[in-house]
C-alpha atoms as a PDB file:
ATOM      1  CA  MET A   1       0.000   0.000   0.000  1.00  0.00           C
ATOM      2  CA  ASN A   2       1.100   3.522  -0.599  1.00  0.00           C
ATOM      3  CA  GLY A   3      -0.138   6.591   1.163  1.00  0.00           C
ATOM      4  CA  ASN A   4       0.508   8.831   4.100  1.00  0.00           C
ATOM      5  CA  ALA A   5       2.870   7.014   6.440  1.00  0.00           C
ATOM      6  CA  SER A   6       2.043   9.251   9.370  1.00  0.00           C
ATOM      7  CA  ASN A   7      -1.570   8.047   9.244  1.00  0.00           C
ATOM      8  CA  LYS A   8      -0.484   4.395   9.199  1.00  0.00           C
ATOM      9  CA  LEU A   9       2.569   4.523  11.429  1.00  0.00           C
ATOM     10  CA  GLY A  10       2.177   7.498  13.753  1.00  0.00           C
ATOM     11  CA  ASN A  11       1.815   5.520  17.002  1.00  0.00           C
ATOM     12  CA  ILE A  12       4.918   3.383  16.423  1.00  0.00           C
ATOM     13  CA  SER A  13       7.217   3.285  19.448  1.00  0.00           C
ATOM     14  CA  HIS A  14       9.279   0.174  18.556  1.00  0.00           C
ATOM     15  CA  VAL A  15      11.037  -0.152  15.217  1.00  0.00           C
ATOM     16  CA  PHE A  16      12.267  -3.626  14.274  1.00  0.00           C
ATOM     17  CA  LEU A  17      14.888  -3.675  11.523  1.00  0.00           C
ATOM     18  CA  ASP A  18      16.334  -6.442   9.442  1.00  0.00           C
ATOM     19  CA  ARG A  19      20.084  -5.944   9.044  1.00  0.00           C
ATOM     20  CA  ASP A  20      21.287  -6.883   5.550  1.00  0.00           C
ATOM     21  CA  GLY A  21      19.521  -4.766   2.941  1.00  0.00           C
ATOM     22  CA  VAL A  22      18.154  -2.315   5.519  1.00  0.00           C
ATOM     23  CA  LEU A  23      21.199  -1.151   7.477  1.00  0.00           C
ATOM     24  CA  ASN A  24      23.963  -2.444   5.233  1.00  0.00           C
ATOM     25  CA  ARG A  25      24.277  -3.351   1.574  1.00  0.00           C
ATOM     26  CA  ASN A  26      23.533  -6.942   0.591  1.00  0.00           C
ATOM     27  CA  LEU A  27      26.388  -8.646  -1.183  1.00  0.00           C
ATOM     28  CA  PRO A  28      25.611  -9.918  -4.709  1.00  0.00           C
ATOM     29  CA  ASN A  29      24.630 -13.459  -5.655  1.00  0.00           C
ATOM     30  CA  GLY A  30      23.535 -14.542  -2.183  1.00  0.00           C
ATOM     31  CA  GLN A  31      26.974 -14.038  -0.653  1.00  0.00           C
ATOM     32  CA  PHE A  32      27.255 -13.451   3.097  1.00  0.00           C
ATOM     33  CA  VAL A  33      28.803 -10.481   4.894  1.00  0.00           C
ATOM     34  CA  THR A  34      31.468 -12.336   6.895  1.00  0.00           C
ATOM     35  CA  CYS A  35      33.577  -9.496   8.344  1.00  0.00           C
ATOM     36  CA  TRP A  36      33.510  -5.764   9.011  1.00  0.00           C
ATOM     37  CA  GLU A  37      35.521  -5.038   5.853  1.00  0.00           C
ATOM     38  CA  GLU A  38      32.552  -6.351   3.813  1.00  0.00           C
ATOM     39  CA  PHE A  39      30.026  -4.394   5.898  1.00  0.00           C
ATOM     40  CA  GLU A  40      28.917  -1.309   3.965  1.00  0.00           C
ATOM     41  CA  LEU A  41      26.312   0.866   5.655  1.00  0.00           C
ATOM     42  CA  LEU A  42      23.641   2.131   3.292  1.00  0.00           C
ATOM     43  CA  PRO A  43      23.401   5.890   2.699  1.00  0.00           C
ATOM     44  CA  GLY A  44      21.606   7.796   5.451  1.00  0.00           C
ATOM     45  CA  VAL A  45      21.415   4.891   7.918  1.00  0.00           C
ATOM     46  CA  GLU A  46      23.339   6.641  10.711  1.00  0.00           C
ATOM     47  CA  ASP A  47      21.111   9.726  10.524  1.00  0.00           C
ATOM     48  CA  ALA A  48      17.932   7.661  10.226  1.00  0.00           C
ATOM     49  CA  VAL A  49      18.716   5.640  13.365  1.00  0.00           C
ATOM     50  CA  ALA A  50      19.800   8.799  15.234  1.00  0.00           C
ATOM     51  CA  THR A  51      16.519  10.474  14.280  1.00  0.00           C
ATOM     52  CA  LEU A  52      14.508   7.488  15.534  1.00  0.00           C
ATOM     53  CA  ASN A  53      16.484   7.662  18.797  1.00  0.00           C
ATOM     54  CA  ARG A  54      15.853  11.415  19.184  1.00  0.00           C
ATOM     55  CA  TRP A  55      12.139  10.867  18.665  1.00  0.00           C
ATOM     56  CA  GLY A  56      12.098   8.267  21.443  1.00  0.00           C
ATOM     57  CA  ARG A  57      11.682   5.168  19.297  1.00  0.00           C
ATOM     58  CA  THR A  58      13.211   1.887  20.455  1.00  0.00           C
ATOM     59  CA  VAL A  59      15.320   0.459  17.610  1.00  0.00           C
ATOM     60  CA  ILE A  60      15.743  -3.331  17.540  1.00  0.00           C
ATOM     61  CA  VAL A  61      17.568  -5.400  14.915  1.00  0.00           C
ATOM     62  CA  VAL A  62      16.250  -8.896  14.143  1.00  0.00           C
ATOM     63  CA  THR A  63      18.496 -10.702  11.693  1.00  0.00           C
ATOM     64  CA  ASN A  64      18.866 -14.161  10.190  1.00  0.00           C
ATOM     65  CA  GLN A  65      22.574 -15.012  10.053  1.00  0.00           C
ATOM     66  CA  ARG A  66      22.627 -18.456   8.468  1.00  0.00           C
ATOM     67  CA  GLY A  67      26.307 -17.999   7.619  1.00  0.00           C
ATOM     68  CA  VAL A  68      27.122 -19.018  11.212  1.00  0.00           C
ATOM     69  CA  ALA A  69      25.381 -22.388  10.715  1.00  0.00           C
ATOM     70  CA  LEU A  70      27.178 -22.816   7.388  1.00  0.00           C
ATOM     71  CA  GLY A  71      30.564 -22.185   9.035  1.00  0.00           C
ATOM     72  CA  LEU A  72      31.301 -19.080   6.933  1.00  0.00           C
ATOM     73  CA  TYR A  73      31.896 -17.003  10.076  1.00  0.00           C
ATOM     74  CA  SER A  74      31.671 -17.641  13.794  1.00  0.00           C
ATOM     75  CA  GLN A  75      29.347 -16.211  16.412  1.00  0.00           C
ATOM     76  CA  GLN A  76      32.390 -14.276  17.714  1.00  0.00           C
ATOM     77  CA  ASP A  77      32.993 -12.834  14.224  1.00  0.00           C
ATOM     78  CA  LEU A  78      29.349 -11.779  14.112  1.00  0.00           C
ATOM     79  CA  ASP A  79      29.534 -10.229  17.594  1.00  0.00           C
ATOM     80  CA  ARG A  80      32.619  -8.244  16.508  1.00  0.00           C
ATOM     81  CA  MET A  81      30.783  -6.987  13.413  1.00  0.00           C
ATOM     82  CA  HIS A  82      27.863  -5.881  15.547  1.00  0.00           C
ATOM     83  CA  ASP A  83      30.191  -4.179  18.047  1.00  0.00           C
ATOM     84  CA  GLN A  84      31.761  -2.268  15.164  1.00  0.00           C
ATOM     85  CA  LEU A  85      28.312  -1.408  13.813  1.00  0.00           C
ATOM     86  CA  ARG A  86      27.318   0.000  17.213  1.00  0.00           C
ATOM     87  CA  GLU A  87      30.567   2.020  17.361  1.00  0.00           C
ATOM     88  CA  ARG A  88      29.983   3.439  13.884  1.00  0.00           C
ATOM     89  CA  LEU A  89      26.425   4.419  14.771  1.00  0.00           C
ATOM     90  CA  ALA A  90      27.502   5.899  18.119  1.00  0.00           C
ATOM     91  CA  ALA A  91      29.994   8.147  16.297  1.00  0.00           C
ATOM     92  CA  HIS A  92      26.915   9.680  14.620  1.00  0.00           C
ATOM     93  CA  GLY A  93      24.821   9.936  17.779  1.00  0.00           C
ATOM     94  CA  ALA A  94      22.806   6.800  16.987  1.00  0.00           C
ATOM     95  CA  ARG A  95      22.218   3.577  18.895  1.00  0.00           C
ATOM     96  CA  LEU A  96      20.583   0.196  18.514  1.00  0.00           C
ATOM     97  CA  ASP A  97      18.669  -0.802  21.632  1.00  0.00           C
ATOM     98  CA  ALA A  98      19.131  -4.513  20.904  1.00  0.00           C
ATOM     99  CA  ILE A  99      20.281  -6.956  18.252  1.00  0.00           C
ATOM    100  CA  TYR A 100      18.650 -10.399  18.070  1.00  0.00           C
ATOM    101  CA  VAL A 101      20.299 -12.993  15.833  1.00  0.00           C
ATOM    102  CA  CYS A 102      19.185 -16.320  14.435  1.00  0.00           C
ATOM    103  CA  PRO A 103      22.411 -18.216  13.632  1.00  0.00           C
ATOM    104  CA  HIS A 104      20.559 -21.363  12.534  1.00  0.00           C
ATOM    105  CA  ASP A 105      19.897 -23.004   9.199  1.00  0.00           C
ATOM    106  CA  ASP A 106      16.395 -23.624   7.849  1.00  0.00           C
ATOM    107  CA  GLY A 107      14.281 -25.958   9.971  1.00  0.00           C
ATOM    108  CA  GLN A 108      16.551 -25.913  13.042  1.00  0.00           C
ATOM    109  CA  CYS A 109      14.721 -23.415  15.261  1.00  0.00           C
ATOM    110  CA  ASN A 110      11.713 -21.200  15.855  1.00  0.00           C
ATOM    111  CA  CYS A 111      13.669 -17.958  15.445  1.00  0.00           C
ATOM    112  CA  ARG A 112      14.615 -17.931  11.755  1.00  0.00           C
ATOM    113  CA  LYS A 113      12.338 -15.437  10.018  1.00  0.00           C
ATOM    114  CA  PRO A 114       9.607 -15.787   8.878  1.00  0.00           C
ATOM    115  CA  LEU A 115       9.179 -17.572  12.225  1.00  0.00           C
ATOM    116  CA  THR A 116       8.691 -15.264  15.177  1.00  0.00           C
ATOM    117  CA  GLY A 117      11.072 -16.424  17.917  1.00  0.00           C
ATOM    118  CA  LEU A 118      13.366 -13.383  17.692  1.00  0.00           C
ATOM    119  CA  PHE A 119      10.394 -11.054  18.066  1.00  0.00           C
ATOM    120  CA  GLU A 120       8.952 -13.033  20.968  1.00  0.00           C
ATOM    121  CA  GLN A 121      12.295 -12.722  22.763  1.00  0.00           C
ATOM    122  CA  ALA A 122      12.320  -8.968  22.105  1.00  0.00           C
ATOM    123  CA  PHE A 123       8.743  -8.606  23.391  1.00  0.00           C
ATOM    124  CA  GLN A 124       9.849 -10.304  26.632  1.00  0.00           C
ATOM    125  CA  ASP A 125      12.909  -8.065  26.970  1.00  0.00           C
ATOM    126  CA  PHE A 126      10.980  -4.890  26.060  1.00  0.00           C
ATOM    127  CA  PRO A 127       7.605  -5.235  27.828  1.00  0.00           C
ATOM    128  CA  ALA A 128       6.273  -1.986  26.351  1.00  0.00           C
ATOM    129  CA  ALA A 129       6.639  -3.435  22.845  1.00  0.00           C
ATOM    130  CA  ARG A 130       3.496  -4.937  21.379  1.00  0.00           C
ATOM    131  CA  PRO A 131       2.556  -5.764  17.787  1.00  0.00           C
ATOM    132  CA  GLU A 132       0.200  -2.793  17.626  1.00  0.00           C
ATOM    133  CA  ASN A 133       2.921  -0.253  18.516  1.00  0.00           C
ATOM    134  CA  SER A 134       5.685  -1.877  16.492  1.00  0.00           C
ATOM    135  CA  VAL A 135       6.734  -1.985  12.865  1.00  0.00           C
ATOM    136  CA  MET A 136       8.931  -4.496  11.032  1.00  0.00           C
ATOM    137  CA  ILE A 137      11.162  -3.009   8.334  1.00  0.00           C
ATOM    138  CA  GLY A 138      12.805  -5.476   5.996  1.00  0.00           C
ATOM    139  CA  ASP A 139      13.937  -6.165   2.473  1.00  0.00           C
ATOM    140  CA  SER A 140      12.577  -9.699   1.994  1.00  0.00           C
ATOM    141  CA  VAL A 141       9.336 -11.618   1.999  1.00  0.00           C
ATOM    142  CA  ARG A 142      10.605 -13.445   5.134  1.00  0.00           C
ATOM    143  CA  ASP A 143      10.840 -10.145   7.007  1.00  0.00           C
ATOM    144  CA  ILE A 144       7.389  -9.004   5.945  1.00  0.00           C
ATOM    145  CA  GLU A 145       5.780 -12.392   6.674  1.00  0.00           C
ATOM    146  CA  ALA A 146       7.298 -12.466  10.172  1.00  0.00           C
ATOM    147  CA  GLY A 147       5.799  -9.065  10.962  1.00  0.00           C
ATOM    148  CA  ILE A 148       2.416 -10.057   9.537  1.00  0.00           C
ATOM    149  CA  ARG A 149       2.341 -13.289  11.581  1.00  0.00           C
ATOM    150  CA  LEU A 150       2.599 -11.151  14.708  1.00  0.00           C
ATOM    151  CA  GLY A 151       0.049  -8.571  13.560  1.00  0.00           C
ATOM    152  CA  MET A 152       2.676  -5.840  13.147  1.00  0.00           C
ATOM    153  CA  ARG A 153       2.665  -3.202  10.469  1.00  0.00           C
ATOM    154  CA  THR A 154       5.362  -3.866   7.911  1.00  0.00           C
ATOM    155  CA  VAL A 155       7.573  -1.773   5.665  1.00  0.00           C
ATOM    156  CA  PHE A 156       9.373  -3.182   2.650  1.00  0.00           C
ATOM    157  CA  ILE A 157      12.689  -1.579   1.679  1.00  0.00           C
ATOM    158  CA  ILE A 158      12.795  -1.778  -2.099  1.00  0.00           C
ATOM    159  CA  GLY A 159      16.554  -1.315  -2.449  1.00  0.00           C
ATOM    160  CA  ASP A 160      18.538  -0.582  -5.583  1.00  0.00           C
ATOM    161  CA  ASP A 161      18.635  -3.930  -7.349  1.00  0.00           C
ATOM    162  CA  GLU A 162      15.471  -5.556  -6.025  1.00  0.00           C
ATOM    163  CA  ALA A 163      12.740  -3.500  -7.651  1.00  0.00           C
ATOM    164  CA  ALA A 164      11.917  -6.006 -10.390  1.00  0.00           C
ATOM    165  CA  SER A 165      12.500  -9.341  -8.626  1.00  0.00           C
ATOM    166  CA  ALA A 166       9.561 -11.664  -8.029  1.00  0.00           C
ATOM    167  CA  GLU A 167      10.301 -11.688  -4.308  1.00  0.00           C
ATOM    168  CA  ALA A 168      10.284  -7.888  -4.200  1.00  0.00           C
ATOM    169  CA  VAL A 169       6.918  -7.750  -5.957  1.00  0.00           C
ATOM    170  CA  GLY A 170       5.498 -10.262  -3.454  1.00  0.00           C
ATOM    171  CA  ALA A 171       6.932  -8.390  -0.478  1.00  0.00           C
ATOM    172  CA  ARG A 172       5.609  -5.050  -1.763  1.00  0.00           C
ATOM    173  CA  ASP A 173       2.151  -6.564  -2.155  1.00  0.00           C
ATOM    174  CA  LEU A 174       2.189  -7.909   1.421  1.00  0.00           C
ATOM    175  CA  ALA A 175       3.745  -4.918   3.196  1.00  0.00           C
ATOM    176  CA  SER A 176       1.799  -2.043   4.740  1.00  0.00           C
ATOM    177  CA  LEU A 177       4.163   0.380   3.012  1.00  0.00           C
ATOM    178  CA  SER A 178       7.084   0.237   0.551  1.00  0.00           C
ATOM    179  CA  VAL A 179       9.896   2.787   0.544  1.00  0.00           C
ATOM    180  CA  PRO A 180      13.311   3.061  -1.131  1.00  0.00           C
ATOM    181  CA  SER A 181      15.327   3.161   2.116  1.00  0.00           C
ATOM    182  CA  LEU A 182      15.287   3.348   5.904  1.00  0.00           C
ATOM    183  CA  SER A 183      16.075   7.045   5.598  1.00  0.00           C
ATOM    184  CA  ASP A 184      12.991   7.571   3.431  1.00  0.00           C
ATOM    185  CA  PHE A 185      10.814   5.698   5.930  1.00  0.00           C
ATOM    186  CA  VAL A 186      12.054   7.857   8.823  1.00  0.00           C
ATOM    187  CA  LYS A 187      11.393  11.045   6.856  1.00  0.00           C
ATOM    188  CA  ARG A 188       7.847   9.908   6.104  1.00  0.00           C
ATOM    189  CA  MET A 189       7.155   8.578   9.597  1.00  0.00           C
ATOM    190  CA  LEU A 190       8.437  11.581  11.505  1.00  0.00           C
ATOM    191  CA  GLY A 191       7.987  14.268   8.918  1.00  0.00           C
ATOM    192  CA  SER A 192      11.662  15.204   9.197  1.00  0.00           C
END
């Protein structure tokens, strides 16, 4: 759906973000980001997260990281990447309130999106968070389906190279709103 985001998303207090494709650039051909040197923040991400923080929104990352299960990088490598991400954001006055990771392969858990285990853990850790005051922002059908399963509003990040893919068309059709970037969503949501 398109339309006025402030009408649809004005009472959002908790913003759930996928990582790859929302905060940082996806690598081509299904490759995995395995180290900080491959981690490229998307334009405007630092300012978008800082703006959400200033407006009192809780910012939570929920990310599938199957590369751990495949042995492409370790949990410690992933933790180091996330520490460096937090440092980079902090240098711009931005913070992530939490990062929840599914390191499992398909069928091994209840936390790999589109399943909802990561969100359920976040709802326990952040008691004020509820589906009706939260939004899931992602760049895949899995992200959007996870949000829908919980009754959350959903935002699909179209991205540069995804506009014509079949998955992108499906995700756009399912999502409450589609936008080019996290920065664009924040501008629409907060009118900044």
